[in-house]
Amino acid sequence: MTHCVGIRREDKSIWERRVPLTPADARSLRERHGIEVRVQPSPTRVITAEEFREAGVVVDEDLSSCRVVLGVKEIPRDLFEPGKTYVFFSHTVKGQPYNMAMLGALMDLGCTLIDYERIADDAGRRLIFFGRHAGLAGMVETLWALGRRLAWEGIPNPFSELRHTYEYEDLAAAKEAVRRVGERIRHEGVPEAVVPLVVAVAGYGNVAKGTFEILDELPLMEIDPTDLRVIVEGGAARADLVYKVVFKEEHTVQPVDGGRAFDLQEFYGHPQLYRGAFERHVPFLTALVNCVYWEAKYPRLLTKEFLRRHYAEGAPRLRVIGDISADIEGAIECDTHTTEADNPVYVFDPATGATVDGVAGAGPVIMAVDILPTELPRDASVDFSRVLAEFIPAIARADYSVPVEELALPPELKRAVIVHRGELTPDYRHLEPFAQRRDS
């Protein structure tokens, strides 16, 4: 029996150029496992139809012969077919309102949904993701924004040489551009007005690791958050370095009961016992890059009220906030809306709460592109496909007509099944009140 997997074109954004499987991996699946891959044509995809054809992949508008359809981002609800299995980033597990109609449509049509975001090992570590590339692209964009902001302030600086990430041919070219900026800093230093130049990264997971790859192209000195005040106020900071500081949970929150010590597992299990403590560090930062996972139960890193008070006190050091996590009014409350790659930043006015596109104005510049990995579409697709291809044989061969308890998928995949045959699986039944079904 030949198993067929379809790849749909992406249509959520004109900037979405990624693909979940590359031609090379599609050819390998056919040769090693007898799995046929069919792909819809796309005018924007970074990998061309001809590249797929050269790998022996059928390029066809019609994916009706494929029991399983792969995508990257959300699929419009009117494109689902009854009983099929869909694999994509659904952005539904937090009950996101904007995707509940889509979730309801999957349920109404008796479909199965497997979400990449939930494919994880026994310890809960995600196994397939674009996080690294979000960090890579987001760090380049944050440095680009810093260069533009300083230039608007009348401060010539080496970061103004940088372009948007998507304007570079690939990751290697983007890194080379940052490396050249680093060479200028080594020889000329950063402007006196921003010495010490401190770049803070909140988080240390896959997204943060991508930011580190870019920062490592600069002349760095990594410091502990507890040393920030000494570096900034001590008078011995160097102009030929960028100071990097990484914030973990113990730096960003503290127990409500001041007599107790921080406990990571307690914080995750009982976040109500903790309050935010990150804002004490903000006066010492030049740029902040947010890479943390956030839910409403956790304290924010930055509140609008803090920024209102902080900016009212005078001209702060903080110029740019790169919110790679892009949770609207989440950990970074002043992130009021997401942005597009060609217009990635806006200024948040702490006094009024208003925003204006660009880098000019009173308040921090916010970089809030929510599909950053697509700025490195080929690199991101190749890495993602390499991992996903290992799961495709199990996904393609599974019998989705059986109850979820009998579904023959490895545990990493079974944990990612949100909907099966139109019903929410046990781990996701909390979404029932939110799903917008026809009969509800």
Protein backbone atom coordinates (compact mmCIF):
# COMPACT_ATOMS: atom_id res chain seq x y z
CA MET A 1 0.00 0.00 0.00
CA THR A 2 1.34 3.43 -0.98
CA HIS A 3 0.99 6.07 1.70
CA CYS A 4 0.60 9.66 0.55
CA VAL A 5 1.46 12.82 2.44
CA GLY A 6 0.47 16.21 1.09
CA ILE A 7 2.15 19.57 1.63
CA ARG A 8 -0.18 22.55 1.36
CA ARG A 9 0.83 26.02 0.30
CA GLU A 10 1.10 28.59 3.09
CA ASP A 11 -1.34 31.47 2.89
CA LYS A 12 -1.50 33.05 6.35
CA SER A 13 1.02 35.74 5.43
CA ILE A 14 2.74 36.96 2.29
CA TRP A 15 5.96 36.59 4.28
CA GLU A 16 5.48 32.88 5.00
CA ARG A 17 8.00 31.12 2.75
CA ARG A 18 8.81 28.00 4.75
CA VAL A 19 7.97 24.39 3.93
CA PRO A 20 7.74 21.47 6.41
CA LEU A 21 9.52 18.97 4.17
CA THR A 22 12.33 19.66 1.71
CA PRO A 23 12.71 17.95 -1.67
CA ALA A 24 15.69 15.92 -0.44
CA ASP A 25 13.79 14.56 2.55
CA ALA A 26 10.71 13.88 0.42
CA ARG A 27 12.84 11.84 -1.99
CA SER A 28 14.36 9.93 0.91
CA LEU A 29 10.89 9.09 2.27
CA ARG A 30 9.89 7.65 -1.09
CA GLU A 31 13.08 5.66 -1.56
CA ARG A 32 13.43 4.36 2.00
CA HIS A 33 9.81 4.02 3.10
CA GLY A 34 7.65 4.02 -0.03
CA ILE A 35 5.88 7.21 1.05
CA GLU A 36 4.69 9.47 -1.73
CA VAL A 37 4.82 13.23 -1.11
CA ARG A 38 2.66 15.62 -3.10
CA VAL A 39 3.05 19.38 -2.84
CA GLN A 40 0.80 22.24 -3.85
CA PRO A 41 2.43 24.94 -5.99
CA SER A 42 3.15 28.24 -4.27
CA PRO A 43 4.19 31.65 -5.58
CA THR A 44 6.04 32.55 -2.38
CA ARG A 45 7.68 29.35 -1.10
CA VAL A 46 11.46 29.63 -0.90
CA ILE A 47 11.87 26.15 -2.41
CA THR A 48 10.59 26.17 -5.96
CA ALA A 49 8.26 23.71 -7.64
CA GLU A 50 11.09 22.77 -9.99
CA GLU A 51 13.29 21.74 -7.06
CA PHE A 52 10.53 19.44 -5.86
CA ARG A 53 10.00 17.99 -9.34
CA GLU A 54 13.72 17.32 -9.68
CA ALA A 55 13.48 15.27 -6.48
CA GLY A 56 10.63 13.20 -7.94
CA VAL A 57 7.90 14.94 -5.94
CA VAL A 58 4.53 15.45 -7.60
CA VAL A 59 3.54 19.11 -7.71
CA ASP A 60 -0.24 19.32 -7.90
CA GLU A 61 -3.02 21.58 -6.69
CA ASP A 62 -5.10 18.52 -5.75
CA LEU A 63 -4.15 16.85 -2.46
CA SER A 64 -7.37 14.81 -2.20
CA SER A 65 -5.45 11.53 -2.53
CA CYS A 66 -3.41 12.30 0.60
CA ARG A 67 -4.80 11.06 3.93
CA VAL A 68 -2.31 13.27 5.78
CA VAL A 69 -1.72 16.94 4.98
CA LEU A 70 1.24 18.90 6.37
CA GLY A 71 1.49 22.64 6.79
CA VAL A 72 3.50 25.14 8.80
CA LYS A 73 1.02 27.75 10.03
CA GLU A 74 -2.75 27.62 10.59
CA ILE A 75 -5.05 26.38 7.82
CA PRO A 76 -8.22 28.27 6.85
CA ARG A 77 -11.22 26.37 8.21
CA ASP A 78 -12.96 26.08 4.82
CA LEU A 79 -10.05 24.06 3.42
CA PHE A 80 -10.37 21.10 5.78
CA GLU A 81 -11.68 17.83 4.31
CA PRO A 82 -13.75 15.38 6.36
CA GLY A 83 -11.84 12.67 8.18
CA LYS A 84 -8.36 13.77 7.17
CA THR A 85 -5.33 14.15 9.40
CA TYR A 86 -3.63 17.54 9.56
CA VAL A 87 -0.22 18.35 11.00
CA PHE A 88 0.72 21.99 11.61
CA PHE A 89 1.28 24.64 14.28
CA SER A 90 -2.33 25.14 15.35
CA HIS A 91 -1.80 27.67 18.17
CA THR A 92 -4.84 26.36 20.01
CA VAL A 93 -3.63 24.78 23.26
CA LYS A 94 -3.93 28.03 25.24
CA GLY A 95 -7.47 28.45 23.96
CA GLN A 96 -6.35 31.25 21.63
CA PRO A 97 -9.63 32.93 20.60
CA TYR A 98 -8.53 33.63 17.03
CA ASN A 99 -8.13 29.90 16.32
CA MET A 100 -11.15 28.44 18.10
CA ALA A 101 -13.30 28.55 14.95
CA MET A 102 -10.59 26.58 13.16
CA LEU A 103 -10.48 24.05 16.01
CA GLY A 104 -14.27 23.74 15.88
CA ALA A 105 -14.16 23.08 12.14
CA LEU A 106 -11.66 20.24 12.61
CA MET A 107 -13.97 18.71 15.19
CA ASP A 108 -17.13 19.15 13.11
CA LEU A 109 -15.49 17.39 10.16
CA GLY A 110 -14.20 14.44 12.18
CA CYS A 111 -10.56 15.30 11.50
CA THR A 112 -7.39 14.47 13.41
CA LEU A 113 -5.00 17.27 14.40
CA ILE A 114 -1.35 16.71 15.30
CA ASP A 115 0.42 19.84 16.52
CA TYR A 116 4.18 20.18 16.03
CA GLU A 117 4.38 22.27 19.18
CA ARG A 118 3.26 19.31 21.29
CA ILE A 119 5.68 16.73 19.88
CA ALA A 120 7.88 16.19 22.94
CA ASP A 121 9.90 13.58 24.78
CA ASP A 122 9.00 12.01 28.12
CA ALA A 123 10.48 15.01 29.96
CA GLY A 124 8.32 17.44 28.00
CA ARG A 125 11.16 18.77 25.84
CA ARG A 126 9.98 19.79 22.40
CA LEU A 127 11.54 17.78 19.60
CA ILE A 128 10.58 19.77 16.52
CA PHE A 129 10.58 23.54 16.36
CA PHE A 130 11.62 26.69 14.55
CA GLY A 131 12.70 28.34 17.81
CA ARG A 132 16.39 28.56 17.00
CA HIS A 133 15.67 30.41 13.77
CA ALA A 134 13.28 32.76 15.54
CA GLY A 135 16.15 33.64 17.85
CA LEU A 136 18.61 34.05 14.99
CA ALA A 137 16.36 36.32 12.93
CA GLY A 138 15.02 38.15 15.98
CA MET A 139 18.47 39.04 17.25
CA VAL A 140 19.51 40.44 13.87
CA GLU A 141 16.29 42.49 13.74
CA THR A 142 16.83 43.75 17.29
CA LEU A 143 20.35 44.93 16.46
CA TRP A 144 19.01 46.50 13.26
CA ALA A 145 16.42 48.36 15.34
CA LEU A 146 19.09 49.48 17.82
CA GLY A 147 21.14 50.92 14.97
CA ARG A 148 18.17 52.81 13.57
CA ARG A 149 17.13 54.13 16.98
CA LEU A 150 20.59 55.41 17.84
CA ALA A 151 20.87 57.03 14.41
CA TRP A 152 17.53 58.78 15.00
CA GLU A 153 18.98 60.11 18.27
CA GLY A 154 21.90 61.51 16.29
CA ILE A 155 24.36 58.86 17.50
CA PRO A 156 26.41 57.33 14.66
CA ASN A 157 26.90 53.62 15.36
CA PRO A 158 28.09 50.42 13.67
CA PHE A 159 24.70 48.67 13.94
CA SER A 160 23.26 51.05 11.35
CA GLU A 161 25.10 48.95 8.72
CA LEU A 162 22.76 46.01 9.31
CA ARG A 163 19.81 45.17 7.07
CA HIS A 164 16.64 43.23 7.77
CA THR A 165 17.29 39.52 8.17
CA TYR A 166 15.24 38.59 5.10
CA GLU A 167 17.44 40.83 2.95
CA TYR A 168 20.40 38.50 3.44
CA GLU A 169 20.78 35.50 1.14
CA ASP A 170 21.00 33.06 4.04
CA LEU A 171 22.05 32.66 7.65
CA ALA A 172 25.74 32.64 6.76
CA ALA A 173 25.42 36.02 5.06
CA ALA A 174 23.53 37.49 8.03
CA LYS A 175 26.17 36.24 10.43
CA GLU A 176 28.91 37.69 8.28
CA ALA A 177 27.22 41.10 8.39
CA VAL A 178 27.05 40.97 12.20
CA ARG A 179 30.68 39.83 12.28
CA ARG A 180 31.70 42.96 10.35
CA VAL A 181 29.85 45.09 12.89
CA GLY A 182 31.79 43.26 15.58
CA GLU A 183 35.07 44.12 13.90
CA ARG A 184 34.16 47.80 13.89
CA ILE A 185 33.34 47.64 17.59
CA ARG A 186 36.70 45.99 18.31
CA HIS A 187 38.59 48.72 16.47
CA GLU A 188 36.43 51.80 16.98
CA GLY A 189 34.28 50.98 19.99
CA VAL A 190 30.62 51.80 20.47
CA PRO A 191 29.53 55.44 20.83
CA GLU A 192 30.41 56.98 24.19
CA ALA A 193 26.73 57.81 24.76
CA VAL A 194 25.86 54.10 25.07
CA VAL A 195 28.90 52.79 26.96
CA PRO A 196 28.44 50.22 28.37
CA LEU A 197 26.24 48.72 25.69
CA VAL A 198 24.29 46.00 27.49
CA VAL A 199 22.18 43.43 25.64
CA ALA A 200 19.95 41.39 27.94
CA VAL A 201 18.40 38.07 26.92
CA ALA A 202 15.50 36.78 28.99
CA GLY A 203 15.42 32.99 28.61
CA TYR A 204 17.85 30.22 27.83
CA GLY A 205 15.94 27.73 25.66
CA ASN A 206 16.03 27.08 21.93
CA VAL A 207 14.99 30.60 20.99
CA ALA A 208 17.61 32.16 23.25
CA LYS A 209 20.28 29.85 21.86
CA GLY A 210 19.57 31.33 18.44
CA THR A 211 20.10 34.84 19.79
CA PHE A 212 23.39 33.74 21.34
CA GLU A 213 24.63 32.53 17.93
CA ILE A 214 24.22 36.05 16.57
CA LEU A 215 25.58 37.81 19.64
CA ASP A 216 28.64 35.56 19.57
CA GLU A 217 29.68 37.29 16.34
CA LEU A 218 30.25 40.46 18.41
CA PRO A 219 33.08 41.10 20.90
CA LEU A 220 31.29 40.03 24.07
CA MET A 221 31.74 39.99 27.77
CA GLU A 222 29.05 37.96 29.52
CA ILE A 223 28.18 39.21 32.97
CA ASP A 224 25.85 38.05 35.72
CA PRO A 225 22.69 40.09 36.38
CA THR A 226 24.02 40.82 39.85
CA ASP A 227 26.99 42.65 38.29
CA LEU A 228 24.94 45.00 36.13
CA ARG A 229 25.00 47.97 38.49
CA VAL A 230 28.78 47.76 38.95
CA ILE A 231 29.38 47.58 35.19
CA VAL A 232 27.07 50.49 34.38
CA GLU A 233 27.89 52.78 37.30
CA GLY A 234 31.43 51.72 38.13
CA GLY A 235 33.15 53.80 35.45
CA ALA A 236 35.35 50.99 34.14
CA ALA A 237 33.17 49.69 31.31
CA ARG A 238 34.86 49.15 27.95
CA ALA A 239 33.70 50.66 24.66
CA ASP A 240 35.18 47.84 22.58
CA LEU A 241 32.82 45.25 24.08
CA VAL A 242 29.15 44.43 24.10
CA TYR A 243 28.00 43.25 27.51
CA LYS A 244 25.71 40.24 27.37
CA VAL A 245 23.56 39.27 30.33
CA VAL A 246 21.23 36.26 30.47
CA PHE A 247 18.24 36.24 32.78
CA LYS A 248 16.85 33.00 34.18
CA GLU A 249 13.77 32.61 36.34
CA GLU A 250 15.62 33.27 39.58
CA HIS A 251 16.58 36.71 38.22
CA THR A 252 13.11 37.70 37.07
CA VAL A 253 10.86 36.73 40.00
CA GLN A 254 11.08 36.44 43.77
CA PRO A 255 8.89 34.82 46.43
CA VAL A 256 6.04 36.95 47.73
CA ASP A 257 7.20 35.81 51.16
CA GLY A 258 10.54 37.57 51.32
CA GLY A 259 11.90 35.10 53.84
CA ARG A 260 11.79 32.18 51.43
CA ALA A 261 14.31 31.12 48.80
CA PHE A 262 13.54 30.78 45.11
CA ASP A 263 12.55 27.27 44.02
CA LEU A 264 12.19 26.63 40.28
CA GLN A 265 9.74 23.75 40.49
CA GLU A 266 7.62 25.61 43.02
CA PHE A 267 7.54 28.61 40.69
CA TYR A 268 6.31 26.48 37.78
CA GLY A 269 3.76 24.70 39.94
CA HIS A 270 2.59 27.63 42.05
CA PRO A 271 3.47 30.88 40.26
CA GLN A 272 1.03 32.78 42.47
CA LEU A 273 3.62 32.50 45.24
CA TYR A 274 5.97 34.72 43.23
CA ARG A 275 6.01 38.31 42.03
CA GLY A 276 7.94 40.00 39.25
CA ALA A 277 11.46 41.22 40.06
CA PHE A 278 12.91 41.88 36.61
CA GLU A 279 12.13 45.60 36.43
CA ARG A 280 14.90 46.45 38.92
CA HIS A 281 17.40 45.53 36.17
CA VAL A 282 15.86 47.63 33.39
CA PRO A 283 17.70 50.91 34.21
CA PHE A 284 20.99 49.21 33.28
CA LEU A 285 19.97 47.76 29.89
CA THR A 286 20.48 49.10 26.37
CA ALA A 287 18.46 46.40 24.63
CA LEU A 288 16.23 43.63 25.94
CA VAL A 289 15.47 40.45 24.00
CA ASN A 290 12.55 38.42 25.31
CA CYS A 291 12.66 34.67 24.64
CA VAL A 292 10.58 33.35 27.54
CA TYR A 293 7.47 31.21 27.40
CA TRP A 294 4.67 33.08 29.13
CA GLU A 295 1.13 32.44 30.34
CA ALA A 296 -1.16 34.75 32.28
CA LYS A 297 -0.44 32.87 35.50
CA TYR A 298 3.17 34.08 35.47
CA PRO A 299 4.41 37.56 36.45
CA ARG A 300 5.31 39.86 33.58
CA LEU A 301 8.86 40.97 32.83
CA LEU A 302 7.78 44.53 32.02
CA THR A 303 4.52 46.28 32.84
CA LYS A 304 3.12 49.40 31.23
CA GLU A 305 2.92 51.06 34.64
CA PHE A 306 6.60 50.50 35.30
CA LEU A 307 7.54 51.95 31.93
CA ARG A 308 5.33 54.98 32.56
CA ARG A 309 7.16 55.71 35.81
CA HIS A 310 10.59 54.80 34.45
CA TYR A 311 10.41 57.02 31.37
CA ALA A 312 8.92 59.89 33.38
CA GLU A 313 12.11 60.02 35.44
CA GLY A 314 14.27 61.07 32.50
CA ALA A 315 16.04 59.65 29.46
CA PRO A 316 16.50 55.92 30.18
CA ARG A 317 19.22 53.71 28.76
CA LEU A 318 16.75 51.19 27.32
CA ARG A 319 16.33 51.81 23.60
CA VAL A 320 14.97 48.60 22.10
CA ILE A 321 12.90 45.60 23.17
CA GLY A 322 13.05 42.61 20.83
CA ASP A 323 10.00 40.57 21.82
CA ILE A 324 10.79 37.36 19.98
CA SER A 325 8.16 35.47 21.96
CA ALA A 326 5.61 37.99 20.64
CA ASP A 327 2.90 37.37 23.23
CA ILE A 328 0.59 40.36 22.86
CA GLU A 329 0.48 42.27 26.16
CA GLY A 330 2.12 39.26 27.76
CA ALA A 331 5.54 39.12 29.41
CA ILE A 332 6.25 42.44 27.68
CA GLU A 333 3.00 44.29 28.33
CA CYS A 334 3.89 47.17 26.04
CA ASP A 335 3.96 44.76 23.07
CA THR A 336 0.50 45.79 21.90
CA HIS A 337 0.50 44.18 18.44
CA THR A 338 2.64 42.05 16.17
CA THR A 339 4.44 43.41 13.13
CA GLU A 340 5.49 42.36 9.63
CA ALA A 341 9.02 41.74 8.41
CA ASP A 342 9.18 44.89 6.26
CA ASN A 343 7.82 47.10 9.05
CA PRO A 344 9.04 45.30 12.16
CA VAL A 345 9.09 48.00 14.84
CA TYR A 346 7.04 50.63 16.58
CA VAL A 347 7.61 53.00 19.49
CA PHE A 348 5.47 52.61 22.60
CA ASP A 349 4.79 55.88 24.39
CA PRO A 350 4.71 55.03 28.12
CA ALA A 351 2.89 58.25 29.00
CA THR A 352 -0.08 57.70 26.70
CA GLY A 353 0.02 54.04 25.74
CA ALA A 354 -0.04 55.03 22.07
CA THR A 355 2.22 53.48 19.44
CA VAL A 356 3.70 54.80 16.22
CA ASP A 357 5.48 52.80 13.53
CA GLY A 358 9.23 53.22 13.19
CA VAL A 359 11.96 54.20 15.66
CA ALA A 360 11.12 57.84 16.37
CA GLY A 361 9.37 58.93 19.54
CA ALA A 362 9.31 58.94 23.32
CA GLY A 363 9.56 55.40 24.58
CA PRO A 364 11.17 52.08 23.73
CA VAL A 365 11.27 50.66 20.23
CA ILE A 366 9.38 47.35 20.12
CA MET A 367 10.35 44.65 17.61
CA ALA A 368 7.38 42.24 17.48
CA VAL A 369 7.53 40.20 14.26
CA ASP A 370 5.64 36.98 15.02
CA ILE A 371 6.92 34.81 12.13
CA LEU A 372 10.62 35.51 12.46
CA PRO A 373 11.86 32.10 11.24
CA THR A 374 10.47 32.81 7.79
CA GLU A 375 13.08 35.57 7.44
CA LEU A 376 15.54 32.68 7.11
CA PRO A 377 13.18 30.46 5.12
CA ARG A 378 15.57 27.98 3.50
CA ASP A 379 17.80 27.45 6.53
CA ALA A 380 14.77 27.08 8.78
CA SER A 381 13.01 24.67 6.42
CA VAL A 382 16.05 22.44 6.06
CA ASP A 383 16.54 22.09 9.81
CA PHE A 384 12.84 21.55 10.50
CA SER A 385 12.45 18.99 7.71
CA ARG A 386 15.46 17.01 8.90
CA VAL A 387 13.72 16.33 12.22
CA LEU A 388 10.17 16.02 10.94
CA ALA A 389 11.16 13.45 8.30
CA GLU A 390 11.99 10.96 11.06
CA PHE A 391 8.36 11.09 12.25
CA ILE A 392 6.67 10.97 8.85
CA PRO A 393 6.68 7.15 8.40
CA ALA A 394 4.71 6.69 11.63
CA ILE A 395 2.36 9.57 10.78
CA ALA A 396 1.75 8.33 7.23
CA ARG A 397 1.17 4.67 8.13
CA ALA A 398 -1.07 5.09 11.19
CA ASP A 399 -4.66 3.87 11.03
CA TYR A 400 -6.68 6.90 12.10
CA SER A 401 -9.98 5.01 12.00
CA VAL A 402 -9.34 3.38 15.38
CA PRO A 403 -10.06 4.98 18.78
CA VAL A 404 -7.34 7.22 20.16
CA GLU A 405 -6.37 4.57 22.74
CA GLU A 406 -5.49 2.20 19.89
CA LEU A 407 -3.79 4.77 17.69
CA ALA A 408 -0.42 3.25 16.75
CA LEU A 409 1.81 6.28 17.09
CA PRO A 410 4.99 6.56 19.16
CA PRO A 411 4.39 8.40 22.46
CA GLU A 412 6.14 11.56 21.22
CA LEU A 413 3.51 11.88 18.49
CA LYS A 414 0.55 10.58 20.44
CA ARG A 415 1.02 13.35 22.99
CA ALA A 416 0.66 15.83 20.13
CA VAL A 417 -2.76 14.57 18.96
CA ILE A 418 -5.12 17.36 20.01
CA VAL A 419 -8.18 16.20 18.09
CA HIS A 420 -8.88 12.64 16.93
CA ARG A 421 -11.84 11.73 14.75
CA GLY A 422 -13.44 15.01 15.70
CA GLU A 423 -13.06 14.70 19.47
CA LEU A 424 -10.60 16.40 21.78
CA THR A 425 -8.18 13.89 23.26
CA PRO A 426 -7.95 13.57 27.07
CA ASP A 427 -5.03 15.98 27.53
CA TYR A 428 -6.85 18.72 25.61
CA ARG A 429 -10.44 18.46 26.82
CA HIS A 430 -9.98 21.77 28.63
CA LEU A 431 -10.45 23.35 25.19
CA GLU A 432 -14.03 22.10 24.85
CA PRO A 433 -15.66 25.30 26.18
CA PHE A 434 -13.69 27.41 23.71
CA ALA A 435 -14.00 25.41 20.48
CA GLN A 436 -16.50 27.09 18.16
CA ARG A 437 -18.50 24.19 16.75
CA ARG A 438 -21.51 24.44 14.48
CA ASP A 439 -23.79 22.72 16.98
CA SER A 440 -22.65 24.65 20.07
